[in-house]
Amino acid sequence: MNITYEKCGDYLIPNLIPDSEPEGKLRKFGLMRKSYLENHRRGIYAELLLSGKLKKQLLMIQEQAEERFDLLVAQMTEMEGVTERLKADDQMLWVRKMNVTAK
């Protein structure tokens, strides 16, 4: 981590710039985890932020949550009998069932 300082009046304020951040954009689950850490686990949030590992951890949590979400949606659609055949026969019923399943 490169640390530079910015003069603000008589004080030097550190600019914390991580060496490199992992590629990827934070989406729903990553942003939810970040918000949780900021509001409820400030020590862990500060440690991850200062060590430069925050985005890596958020992306990992996001990937795991999305995989789990996809698995649960697939299981629920199978239980409810939502199939491609239903989609071809009655699109509005398929949409209603998918909206209930994905919530």
PDB file of N, CA and C in Angstrom:
ATOM      1  N   MET A   1       0.855  -1.169   0.000  1.00  0.00           N
ATOM      2  CA  MET A   1       0.000   0.000   0.000  1.00  0.00           C
ATOM      3  C   MET A   1       0.898   1.227   0.000  1.00  0.00           C
ATOM      4  N   ASN A   2       0.630   2.137  -0.921  1.00  0.00           N
ATOM      5  CA  ASN A   2       1.363   3.394  -0.987  1.00  0.00           C
ATOM      6  C   ASN A   2       0.681   4.417  -0.113  1.00  0.00           C
ATOM      7  N   ILE A   3       1.460   5.041   0.745  1.00  0.00           N
ATOM      8  CA  ILE A   3       0.893   6.071   1.603  1.00  0.00           C
ATOM      9  C   ILE A   3       1.517   7.397   1.218  1.00  0.00           C
ATOM     10  N   THR A   4       0.670   8.318   0.823  1.00  0.00           N
ATOM     11  CA  THR A   4       1.101   9.680   0.567  1.00  0.00           C
ATOM     12  C   THR A   4       0.329  10.579   1.517  1.00  0.00           C
ATOM     13  N   TYR A   5       0.798  11.805   1.636  1.00  0.00           N
ATOM     14  CA  TYR A   5       0.166  12.725   2.569  1.00  0.00           C
ATOM     15  C   TYR A   5      -0.272  13.984   1.852  1.00  0.00           C
ATOM     16  N   GLU A   6      -1.372  14.524   2.316  1.00  0.00           N
ATOM     17  CA  GLU A   6      -1.915  15.764   1.773  1.00  0.00           C
ATOM     18  C   GLU A   6      -1.940  16.780   2.910  1.00  0.00           C
ATOM     19  N   LYS A   7      -1.414  17.959   2.642  1.00  0.00           N
ATOM     20  CA  LYS A   7      -1.375  18.972   3.683  1.00  0.00           C
ATOM     21  C   LYS A   7      -2.738  19.664   3.756  1.00  0.00           C
ATOM     22  N   CYS A   8      -3.274  19.690   4.950  1.00  0.00           N
ATOM     23  CA  CYS A   8      -4.567  20.324   5.198  1.00  0.00           C
ATOM     24  C   CYS A   8      -4.368  21.260   6.391  1.00  0.00           C
ATOM     25  N   GLY A   9      -4.134  22.528   6.097  1.00  0.00           N
ATOM     26  CA  GLY A   9      -3.798  23.467   7.170  1.00  0.00           C
ATOM     27  C   GLY A   9      -2.405  23.134   7.681  1.00  0.00           C
ATOM     28  N   ASP A  10      -2.283  22.911   8.978  1.00  0.00           N
ATOM     29  CA  ASP A  10      -1.003  22.538   9.584  1.00  0.00           C
ATOM     30  C   ASP A  10      -0.829  21.033   9.706  1.00  0.00           C
ATOM     31  N   TYR A  11      -1.771  20.253   9.226  1.00  0.00           N
ATOM     32  CA  TYR A  11      -1.755  18.806   9.408  1.00  0.00           C
ATOM     33  C   TYR A  11      -1.488  18.074   8.098  1.00  0.00           C
ATOM     34  N   LEU A  12      -0.854  16.930   8.216  1.00  0.00           N
ATOM     35  CA  LEU A  12      -0.671  16.043   7.073  1.00  0.00           C
ATOM     36  C   LEU A  12      -1.666  14.892   7.211  1.00  0.00           C
ATOM     37  N   ILE A  13      -2.557  14.770   6.234  1.00  0.00           N
ATOM     38  CA  ILE A  13      -3.595  13.740   6.227  1.00  0.00           C
ATOM     39  C   ILE A  13      -3.153  12.638   5.271  1.00  0.00           C
ATOM     40  N   PRO A  14      -3.129  11.362   5.729  1.00  0.00           N
ATOM     41  CA  PRO A  14      -2.693  10.285   4.827  1.00  0.00           C
ATOM     42  C   PRO A  14      -3.733   9.978   3.748  1.00  0.00           C
ATOM     43  N   ASN A  15      -3.248   9.764   2.547  1.00  0.00           N
ATOM     44  CA  ASN A  15      -4.065   9.276   1.426  1.00  0.00           C
ATOM     45  C   ASN A  15      -3.724   7.804   1.280  1.00  0.00           C
ATOM     46  N   LEU A  16      -4.628   6.959   1.669  1.00  0.00           N
ATOM     47  CA  LEU A  16      -4.370   5.527   1.604  1.00  0.00           C
ATOM     48  C   LEU A  16      -4.767   5.009   0.234  1.00  0.00           C
ATOM     49  N   ILE A  17      -3.793   4.563  -0.526  1.00  0.00           N
ATOM     50  CA  ILE A  17      -4.028   4.079  -1.891  1.00  0.00           C
ATOM     51  C   ILE A  17      -3.521   2.643  -1.969  1.00  0.00           C
ATOM     52  N   PRO A  18      -4.400   1.681  -2.175  1.00  0.00           N
ATOM     53  CA  PRO A  18      -3.934   0.298  -2.284  1.00  0.00           C
ATOM     54  C   PRO A  18      -3.116   0.095  -3.553  1.00  0.00           C
ATOM     55  N   ASP A  19      -2.170  -0.861  -3.494  1.00  0.00           N
ATOM     56  CA  ASP A  19      -1.310  -1.141  -4.655  1.00  0.00           C
ATOM     57  C   ASP A  19      -2.126  -1.560  -5.866  1.00  0.00           C
ATOM     58  N   SER A  20      -2.984  -2.538  -5.678  1.00  0.00           N
ATOM     59  CA  SER A  20      -3.836  -2.971  -6.784  1.00  0.00           C
ATOM     60  C   SER A  20      -5.109  -3.565  -6.202  1.00  0.00           C
ATOM     61  N   GLU A  21      -6.205  -3.256  -6.838  1.00  0.00           N
ATOM     62  CA  GLU A  21      -7.487  -3.811  -6.424  1.00  0.00           C
ATOM     63  C   GLU A  21      -7.904  -4.871  -7.426  1.00  0.00           C
ATOM     64  N   PRO A  22      -8.583  -5.900  -6.950  1.00  0.00           N
ATOM     65  CA  PRO A  22      -9.049  -6.931  -7.880  1.00  0.00           C
ATOM     66  C   PRO A  22     -10.078  -6.373  -8.855  1.00  0.00           C
ATOM     67  N   GLU A  23     -10.095  -6.971 -10.029  1.00  0.00           N
ATOM     68  CA  GLU A  23     -11.058  -6.562 -11.045  1.00  0.00           C
ATOM     69  C   GLU A  23     -12.434  -7.072 -10.678  1.00  0.00           C
ATOM     70  N   GLY A  24     -13.430  -6.312 -10.996  1.00  0.00           N
ATOM     71  CA  GLY A  24     -14.805  -6.726 -10.740  1.00  0.00           C
ATOM     72  C   GLY A  24     -15.602  -5.578 -10.164  1.00  0.00           C
ATOM     73  N   LYS A  25     -16.894  -5.654 -10.402  1.00  0.00           N
ATOM     74  CA  LYS A  25     -17.783  -4.614  -9.915  1.00  0.00           C
ATOM     75  C   LYS A  25     -18.646  -5.186  -8.796  1.00  0.00           C
ATOM     76  N   LEU A  26     -18.821  -4.406  -7.750  1.00  0.00           N
ATOM     77  CA  LEU A  26     -19.674  -4.840  -6.650  1.00  0.00           C
ATOM     78  C   LEU A  26     -21.132  -4.691  -7.054  1.00  0.00           C
ATOM     79  N   ARG A  27     -21.878  -5.751  -6.815  1.00  0.00           N
ATOM     80  CA  ARG A  27     -23.302  -5.738  -7.101  1.00  0.00           C
ATOM     81  C   ARG A  27     -24.068  -5.893  -5.792  1.00  0.00           C
ATOM     82  N   LYS A  28     -25.273  -6.349  -5.856  1.00  0.00           N
ATOM     83  CA  LYS A  28     -26.186  -6.364  -4.717  1.00  0.00           C
ATOM     84  C   LYS A  28     -25.586  -6.972  -3.453  1.00  0.00           C
ATOM     85  N   PHE A  29     -25.131  -8.215  -3.525  1.00  0.00           N
ATOM     86  CA  PHE A  29     -24.679  -8.906  -2.326  1.00  0.00           C
ATOM     87  C   PHE A  29     -23.362  -8.331  -1.799  1.00  0.00           C
ATOM     88  N   GLY A  30     -22.483  -7.902  -2.683  1.00  0.00           N
ATOM     89  CA  GLY A  30     -21.236  -7.272  -2.258  1.00  0.00           C
ATOM     90  C   GLY A  30     -21.489  -5.947  -1.559  1.00  0.00           C
ATOM     91  N   LEU A  31     -22.409  -5.164  -2.106  1.00  0.00           N
ATOM     92  CA  LEU A  31     -22.751  -3.879  -1.498  1.00  0.00           C
ATOM     93  C   LEU A  31     -23.480  -4.070  -0.168  1.00  0.00           C
ATOM     94  N   MET A  32     -24.303  -5.114  -0.084  1.00  0.00           N
ATOM     95  CA  MET A  32     -24.985  -5.397   1.180  1.00  0.00           C
ATOM     96  C   MET A  32     -23.961  -5.765   2.264  1.00  0.00           C
ATOM     97  N   ARG A  33     -22.970  -6.567   1.915  1.00  0.00           N
ATOM     98  CA  ARG A  33     -21.932  -6.954   2.868  1.00  0.00           C
ATOM     99  C   ARG A  33     -21.114  -5.737   3.300  1.00  0.00           C
ATOM    100  N   LYS A  34     -20.803  -4.878   2.345  1.00  0.00           N
ATOM    101  CA  LYS A  34     -20.042  -3.671   2.672  1.00  0.00           C
ATOM    102  C   LYS A  34     -20.824  -2.789   3.638  1.00  0.00           C
ATOM    103  N   SER A  35     -22.095  -2.612   3.385  1.00  0.00           N
ATOM    104  CA  SER A  35     -22.941  -1.811   4.262  1.00  0.00           C
ATOM    105  C   SER A  35     -23.010  -2.412   5.655  1.00  0.00           C
ATOM    106  N   TYR A  36     -23.139  -3.738   5.730  1.00  0.00           N
ATOM    107  CA  TYR A  36     -23.193  -4.417   7.025  1.00  0.00           C
ATOM    108  C   TYR A  36     -21.897  -4.186   7.801  1.00  0.00           C
ATOM    109  N   LEU A  37     -20.757  -4.360   7.127  1.00  0.00           N
ATOM    110  CA  LEU A  37     -19.482  -4.164   7.800  1.00  0.00           C
ATOM    111  C   LEU A  37     -19.316  -2.717   8.269  1.00  0.00           C
ATOM    112  N   GLU A  38     -19.691  -1.761   7.421  1.00  0.00           N
ATOM    113  CA  GLU A  38     -19.574  -0.345   7.787  1.00  0.00           C
ATOM    114  C   GLU A  38     -20.416   0.000   9.006  1.00  0.00           C
ATOM    115  N   ASN A  39     -21.613  -0.543   9.069  1.00  0.00           N
ATOM    116  CA  ASN A  39     -22.549  -0.147  10.122  1.00  0.00           C
ATOM    117  C   ASN A  39     -22.484  -1.002  11.381  1.00  0.00           C
ATOM    118  N   HIS A  40     -22.089  -2.268  11.272  1.00  0.00           N
ATOM    119  CA  HIS A  40     -22.170  -3.161  12.419  1.00  0.00           C
ATOM    120  C   HIS A  40     -20.843  -3.791  12.831  1.00  0.00           C
ATOM    121  N   ARG A  41     -19.883  -3.830  11.959  1.00  0.00           N
ATOM    122  CA  ARG A  41     -18.576  -4.423  12.261  1.00  0.00           C
ATOM    123  C   ARG A  41     -17.480  -3.450  11.824  1.00  0.00           C
ATOM    124  N   ARG A  42     -17.448  -2.306  12.456  1.00  0.00           N
ATOM    125  CA  ARG A  42     -16.539  -1.231  12.037  1.00  0.00           C
ATOM    126  C   ARG A  42     -15.073  -1.610  12.147  1.00  0.00           C
ATOM    127  N   GLY A  43     -14.727  -2.393  13.160  1.00  0.00           N
ATOM    128  CA  GLY A  43     -13.338  -2.812  13.321  1.00  0.00           C
ATOM    129  C   GLY A  43     -12.870  -3.688  12.173  1.00  0.00           C
ATOM    130  N   ILE A  44     -13.688  -4.665  11.806  1.00  0.00           N
ATOM    131  CA  ILE A  44     -13.353  -5.551  10.685  1.00  0.00           C
ATOM    132  C   ILE A  44     -13.295  -4.749   9.396  1.00  0.00           C
ATOM    133  N   TYR A  45     -14.257  -3.828   9.221  1.00  0.00           N
ATOM    134  CA  TYR A  45     -14.279  -2.990   8.019  1.00  0.00           C
ATOM    135  C   TYR A  45     -12.993  -2.167   7.917  1.00  0.00           C
ATOM    136  N   ALA A  46     -12.604  -1.518   9.024  1.00  0.00           N
ATOM    137  CA  ALA A  46     -11.402  -0.683   9.020  1.00  0.00           C
ATOM    138  C   ALA A  46     -10.153  -1.520   8.744  1.00  0.00           C
ATOM    139  N   GLU A  47     -10.082  -2.710   9.343  1.00  0.00           N
ATOM    140  CA  GLU A  47      -8.928  -3.583   9.117  1.00  0.00           C
ATOM    141  C   GLU A  47      -8.814  -3.992   7.659  1.00  0.00           C
ATOM    142  N   LEU A  48      -9.927  -4.403   7.073  1.00  0.00           N
ATOM    143  CA  LEU A  48      -9.909  -4.814   5.665  1.00  0.00           C
ATOM    144  C   LEU A  48      -9.593  -3.637   4.751  1.00  0.00           C
ATOM    145  N   LEU A  49     -10.143  -2.485   5.064  1.00  0.00           N
ATOM    146  CA  LEU A  49      -9.917  -1.295   4.245  1.00  0.00           C
ATOM    147  C   LEU A  49      -8.454  -0.871   4.297  1.00  0.00           C
ATOM    148  N   LEU A  50      -7.886  -0.825   5.495  1.00  0.00           N
ATOM    149  CA  LEU A  50      -6.501  -0.382   5.646  1.00  0.00           C
ATOM    150  C   LEU A  50      -5.498  -1.390   5.105  1.00  0.00           C
ATOM    151  N   SER A  51      -5.845  -2.676   5.124  1.00  0.00           N
ATOM    152  CA  SER A  51      -4.931  -3.683   4.595  1.00  0.00           C
ATOM    153  C   SER A  51      -5.065  -3.846   3.082  1.00  0.00           C
ATOM    154  N   GLY A  52      -6.079  -3.222   2.489  1.00  0.00           N
ATOM    155  CA  GLY A  52      -6.281  -3.317   1.048  1.00  0.00           C
ATOM    156  C   GLY A  52      -6.994  -4.582   0.612  1.00  0.00           C
ATOM    157  N   LYS A  53      -7.608  -5.303   1.554  1.00  0.00           N
ATOM    158  CA  LYS A  53      -8.258  -6.576   1.240  1.00  0.00           C
ATOM    159  C   LYS A  53      -9.778  -6.472   1.180  1.00  0.00           C
ATOM    160  N   LEU A  54     -10.323  -5.286   1.344  1.00  0.00           N
ATOM    161  CA  LEU A  54     -11.777  -5.135   1.415  1.00  0.00           C
ATOM    162  C   LEU A  54     -12.468  -5.575   0.133  1.00  0.00           C
ATOM    163  N   LYS A  55     -12.032  -5.060  -1.009  1.00  0.00           N
ATOM    164  CA  LYS A  55     -12.719  -5.376  -2.259  1.00  0.00           C
ATOM    165  C   LYS A  55     -12.596  -6.862  -2.596  1.00  0.00           C
ATOM    166  N   LYS A  56     -11.442  -7.449  -2.322  1.00  0.00           N
ATOM    167  CA  LYS A  56     -11.254  -8.875  -2.586  1.00  0.00           C
ATOM    168  C   LYS A  56     -12.246  -9.695  -1.763  1.00  0.00           C
ATOM    169  N   GLN A  57     -12.399  -9.340  -0.493  1.00  0.00           N
ATOM    170  CA  GLN A  57     -13.319 -10.067   0.383  1.00  0.00           C
ATOM    171  C   GLN A  57     -14.760  -9.857  -0.049  1.00  0.00           C
ATOM    172  N   LEU A  58     -15.107  -8.629  -0.437  1.00  0.00           N
ATOM    173  CA  LEU A  58     -16.472  -8.339  -0.885  1.00  0.00           C
ATOM    174  C   LEU A  58     -16.813  -9.093  -2.161  1.00  0.00           C
ATOM    175  N   LEU A  59     -15.876  -9.167  -3.082  1.00  0.00           N
ATOM    176  CA  LEU A  59     -16.104  -9.912  -4.327  1.00  0.00           C
ATOM    177  C   LEU A  59     -16.266 -11.409  -4.057  1.00  0.00           C
ATOM    178  N   MET A  60     -15.498 -11.937  -3.100  1.00  0.00           N
ATOM    179  CA  MET A  60     -15.612 -13.345  -2.748  1.00  0.00           C
ATOM    180  C   MET A  60     -16.994 -13.635  -2.142  1.00  0.00           C
ATOM    181  N   ILE A  61     -17.438 -12.794  -1.219  1.00  0.00           N
ATOM    182  CA  ILE A  61     -18.748 -12.953  -0.595  1.00  0.00           C
ATOM    183  C   ILE A  61     -19.843 -12.839  -1.660  1.00  0.00           C
ATOM    184  N   GLN A  62     -19.692 -11.870  -2.555  1.00  0.00           N
ATOM    185  CA  GLN A  62     -20.676 -11.669  -3.624  1.00  0.00           C
ATOM    186  C   GLN A  62     -20.790 -12.910  -4.506  1.00  0.00           C
ATOM    187  N   GLU A  63     -19.667 -13.487  -4.884  1.00  0.00           N
ATOM    188  CA  GLU A  63     -19.681 -14.679  -5.738  1.00  0.00           C
ATOM    189  C   GLU A  63     -20.366 -15.851  -5.032  1.00  0.00           C
ATOM    190  N   GLN A  64     -20.028 -16.070  -3.766  1.00  0.00           N
ATOM    191  CA  GLN A  64     -20.634 -17.155  -3.007  1.00  0.00           C
ATOM    192  C   GLN A  64     -22.142 -16.956  -2.864  1.00  0.00           C
ATOM    193  N   ALA A  65     -22.555 -15.730  -2.569  1.00  0.00           N
ATOM    194  CA  ALA A  65     -23.982 -15.448  -2.387  1.00  0.00           C
ATOM    195  C   ALA A  65     -24.752 -15.631  -3.687  1.00  0.00           C
ATOM    196  N   GLU A  66     -24.181 -15.200  -4.807  1.00  0.00           N
ATOM    197  CA  GLU A  66     -24.856 -15.360  -6.100  1.00  0.00           C
ATOM    198  C   GLU A  66     -24.987 -16.830  -6.482  1.00  0.00           C
ATOM    199  N   GLU A  67     -23.948 -17.617  -6.210  1.00  0.00           N
ATOM    200  CA  GLU A  67     -24.027 -19.052  -6.493  1.00  0.00           C
ATOM    201  C   GLU A  67     -25.115 -19.705  -5.654  1.00  0.00           C
ATOM    202  N   ARG A  68     -25.167 -19.350  -4.381  1.00  0.00           N
ATOM    203  CA  ARG A  68     -26.181 -19.911  -3.485  1.00  0.00           C
ATOM    204  C   ARG A  68     -27.583 -19.491  -3.920  1.00  0.00           C
ATOM    205  N   PHE A  69     -27.734 -18.215  -4.320  1.00  0.00           N
ATOM    206  CA  PHE A  69     -29.022 -17.703  -4.779  1.00  0.00           C
ATOM    207  C   PHE A  69     -29.493 -18.463  -6.009  1.00  0.00           C
ATOM    208  N   ASP A  70     -28.596 -18.664  -6.972  1.00  0.00           N
ATOM    209  CA  ASP A  70     -28.948 -19.406  -8.192  1.00  0.00           C
ATOM    210  C   ASP A  70     -29.357 -20.836  -7.868  1.00  0.00           C
ATOM    211  N   LEU A  71     -28.649 -21.467  -6.945  1.00  0.00           N
ATOM    212  CA  LEU A  71     -28.984 -22.828  -6.538  1.00  0.00           C
ATOM    213  C   LEU A  71     -30.370 -22.883  -5.897  1.00  0.00           C
ATOM    214  N   LEU A  72     -30.666 -21.938  -5.008  1.00  0.00           N
ATOM    215  CA  LEU A  72     -31.974 -21.914  -4.347  1.00  0.00           C
ATOM    216  C   LEU A  72     -33.105 -21.650  -5.338  1.00  0.00           C
ATOM    217  N   VAL A  73     -32.887 -20.748  -6.279  1.00  0.00           N
ATOM    218  CA  VAL A  73     -33.917 -20.469  -7.293  1.00  0.00           C
ATOM    219  C   VAL A  73     -34.170 -21.710  -8.136  1.00  0.00           C
ATOM    220  N   ALA A  74     -33.106 -22.415  -8.514  1.00  0.00           N
ATOM    221  CA  ALA A  74     -33.264 -23.636  -9.311  1.00  0.00           C
ATOM    222  C   ALA A  74     -34.045 -24.697  -8.529  1.00  0.00           C
ATOM    223  N   GLN A  75     -33.733 -24.851  -7.249  1.00  0.00           N
ATOM    224  CA  GLN A  75     -34.448 -25.828  -6.425  1.00  0.00           C
ATOM    225  C   GLN A  75     -35.914 -25.443  -6.257  1.00  0.00           C
ATOM    226  N   MET A  76     -36.178 -24.165  -6.053  1.00  0.00           N
ATOM    227  CA  MET A  76     -37.562 -23.715  -5.855  1.00  0.00           C
ATOM    228  C   MET A  76     -38.381 -23.849  -7.143  1.00  0.00           C
ATOM    229  N   THR A  77     -37.778 -23.552  -8.292  1.00  0.00           N
ATOM    230  CA  THR A  77     -38.519 -23.696  -9.544  1.00  0.00           C
ATOM    231  C   THR A  77     -38.837 -25.162  -9.812  1.00  0.00           C
ATOM    232  N   GLU A  78     -37.913 -26.039  -9.459  1.00  0.00           N
ATOM    233  CA  GLU A  78     -38.170 -27.476  -9.627  1.00  0.00           C
ATOM    234  C   GLU A  78     -39.314 -27.925  -8.715  1.00  0.00           C
ATOM    235  N   MET A  79     -39.311 -27.448  -7.476  1.00  0.00           N
ATOM    236  CA  MET A  79     -40.376 -27.820  -6.533  1.00  0.00           C
ATOM    237  C   MET A  79     -41.743 -27.304  -6.988  1.00  0.00           C
ATOM    238  N   GLU A  80     -41.766 -26.103  -7.552  1.00  0.00           N
ATOM    239  CA  GLU A  80     -43.021 -25.478  -7.970  1.00  0.00           C
ATOM    240  C   GLU A  80     -43.489 -25.951  -9.344  1.00  0.00           C
ATOM    241  N   GLY A  81     -42.656 -26.689 -10.038  1.00  0.00           N
ATOM    242  CA  GLY A  81     -43.037 -27.191 -11.352  1.00  0.00           C
ATOM    243  C   GLY A  81     -42.947 -26.140 -12.452  1.00  0.00           C
ATOM    244  N   VAL A  82     -42.059 -25.191 -12.287  1.00  0.00           N
ATOM    245  CA  VAL A  82     -41.860 -24.149 -13.298  1.00  0.00           C
ATOM    246  C   VAL A  82     -40.865 -24.697 -14.322  1.00  0.00           C
ATOM    247  N   THR A  83     -41.354 -24.943 -15.539  1.00  0.00           N
ATOM    248  CA  THR A  83     -40.526 -25.542 -16.582  1.00  0.00           C
ATOM    249  C   THR A  83     -40.593 -24.707 -17.855  1.00  0.00           C
ATOM    250  N   GLU A  84     -39.766 -25.066 -18.799  1.00  0.00           N
ATOM    251  CA  GLU A  84     -39.800 -24.407 -20.108  1.00  0.00           C
ATOM    252  C   GLU A  84     -41.110 -24.717 -20.829  1.00  0.00           C
ATOM    253  N   ARG A  85     -41.671 -25.878 -20.561  1.00  0.00           N
ATOM    254  CA  ARG A  85     -42.968 -26.247 -21.152  1.00  0.00           C
ATOM    255  C   ARG A  85     -44.051 -25.286 -20.666  1.00  0.00           C
ATOM    256  N   LEU A  86     -44.057 -24.985 -19.356  1.00  0.00           N
ATOM    257  CA  LEU A  86     -45.008 -24.031 -18.797  1.00  0.00           C
ATOM    258  C   LEU A  86     -44.798 -22.651 -19.414  1.00  0.00           C
ATOM    259  N   LYS A  87     -43.551 -22.287 -19.636  1.00  0.00           N
ATOM    260  CA  LYS A  87     -43.242 -20.994 -20.248  1.00  0.00           C
ATOM    261  C   LYS A  87     -43.810 -20.918 -21.664  1.00  0.00           C
ATOM    262  N   ALA A  88     -43.743 -22.007 -22.399  1.00  0.00           N
ATOM    263  CA  ALA A  88     -44.265 -22.028 -23.765  1.00  0.00           C
ATOM    264  C   ALA A  88     -45.791 -22.026 -23.780  1.00  0.00           C
ATOM    265  N   ASP A  89     -46.402 -22.730 -22.814  1.00  0.00           N
ATOM    266  CA  ASP A  89     -47.859 -22.856 -22.798  1.00  0.00           C
ATOM    267  C   ASP A  89     -48.562 -21.630 -22.207  1.00  0.00           C
ATOM    268  N   ASP A  90     -48.081 -21.137 -21.072  1.00  0.00           N
ATOM    269  CA  ASP A  90     -48.756 -20.035 -20.375  1.00  0.00           C
ATOM    270  C   ASP A  90     -47.692 -19.099 -19.795  1.00  0.00           C
ATOM    271  N   GLN A  91     -47.307 -18.100 -20.588  1.00  0.00           N
ATOM    272  CA  GLN A  91     -46.219 -17.215 -20.188  1.00  0.00           C
ATOM    273  C   GLN A  91     -46.547 -16.405 -18.939  1.00  0.00           C
ATOM    274  N   MET A  92     -47.764 -15.943 -18.798  1.00  0.00           N
ATOM    275  CA  MET A  92     -48.116 -15.128 -17.635  1.00  0.00           C
ATOM    276  C   MET A  92     -48.071 -15.949 -16.339  1.00  0.00           C
ATOM    277  N   LEU A  93     -48.511 -17.185 -16.382  1.00  0.00           N
ATOM    278  CA  LEU A  93     -48.417 -18.047 -15.206  1.00  0.00           C
ATOM    279  C   LEU A  93     -46.952 -18.307 -14.861  1.00  0.00           C
ATOM    280  N   TRP A  94     -46.129 -18.519 -15.894  1.00  0.00           N
ATOM    281  CA  TRP A  94     -44.700 -18.730 -15.687  1.00  0.00           C
ATOM    282  C   TRP A  94     -44.069 -17.513 -15.016  1.00  0.00           C
ATOM    283  N   VAL A  95     -44.416 -16.312 -15.500  1.00  0.00           N
ATOM    284  CA  VAL A  95     -43.880 -15.078 -14.925  1.00  0.00           C
ATOM    285  C   VAL A  95     -44.315 -14.924 -13.472  1.00  0.00           C
ATOM    286  N   ARG A  96     -45.600 -15.188 -13.177  1.00  0.00           N
ATOM    287  CA  ARG A  96     -46.081 -15.092 -11.782  1.00  0.00           C
ATOM    288  C   ARG A  96     -45.324 -16.046 -10.874  1.00  0.00           C
ATOM    289  N   LYS A  97     -45.152 -17.279 -11.323  1.00  0.00           N
ATOM    290  CA  LYS A  97     -44.463 -18.262 -10.488  1.00  0.00           C
ATOM    291  C   LYS A  97     -42.972 -17.900 -10.310  1.00  0.00           C
ATOM    292  N   MET A  98     -42.344 -17.403 -11.362  1.00  0.00           N
ATOM    293  CA  MET A  98     -40.936 -17.011 -11.260  1.00  0.00           C
ATOM    294  C   MET A  98     -40.775 -15.810 -10.336  1.00  0.00           C
ATOM    295  N   ASN A  99     -41.696 -14.877 -10.379  1.00  0.00           N
ATOM    296  CA  ASN A  99     -41.611 -13.711  -9.482  1.00  0.00           C
ATOM    297  C   ASN A  99     -41.756 -14.138  -8.032  1.00  0.00           C
ATOM    298  N   VAL A 100     -42.626 -15.064  -7.750  1.00  0.00           N
ATOM    299  CA  VAL A 100     -42.787 -15.563  -6.388  1.00  0.00           C
ATOM    300  C   VAL A 100     -41.545 -16.352  -5.965  1.00  0.00           C
ATOM    301  N   THR A 101     -40.997 -17.137  -6.871  1.00  0.00           N
ATOM    302  CA  THR A 101     -39.844 -17.979  -6.571  1.00  0.00           C
ATOM    303  C   THR A 101     -38.599 -17.144  -6.319  1.00  0.00           C
ATOM    304  N   ALA A 102     -38.390 -16.098  -7.105  1.00  0.00           N
ATOM    305  CA  ALA A 102     -37.139 -15.321  -7.027  1.00  0.00           C
ATOM    306  C   ALA A 102     -37.140 -14.274  -5.920  1.00  0.00           C
ATOM    307  N   LYS A 103     -38.229 -14.084  -5.218  1.00  0.00           N
ATOM    308  CA  LYS A 103     -38.242 -13.055  -4.159  1.00  0.00           C
ATOM    309  C   LYS A 103     -37.547 -13.479  -2.938  1.00  0.00           C
TER     310      LYS A 103
END
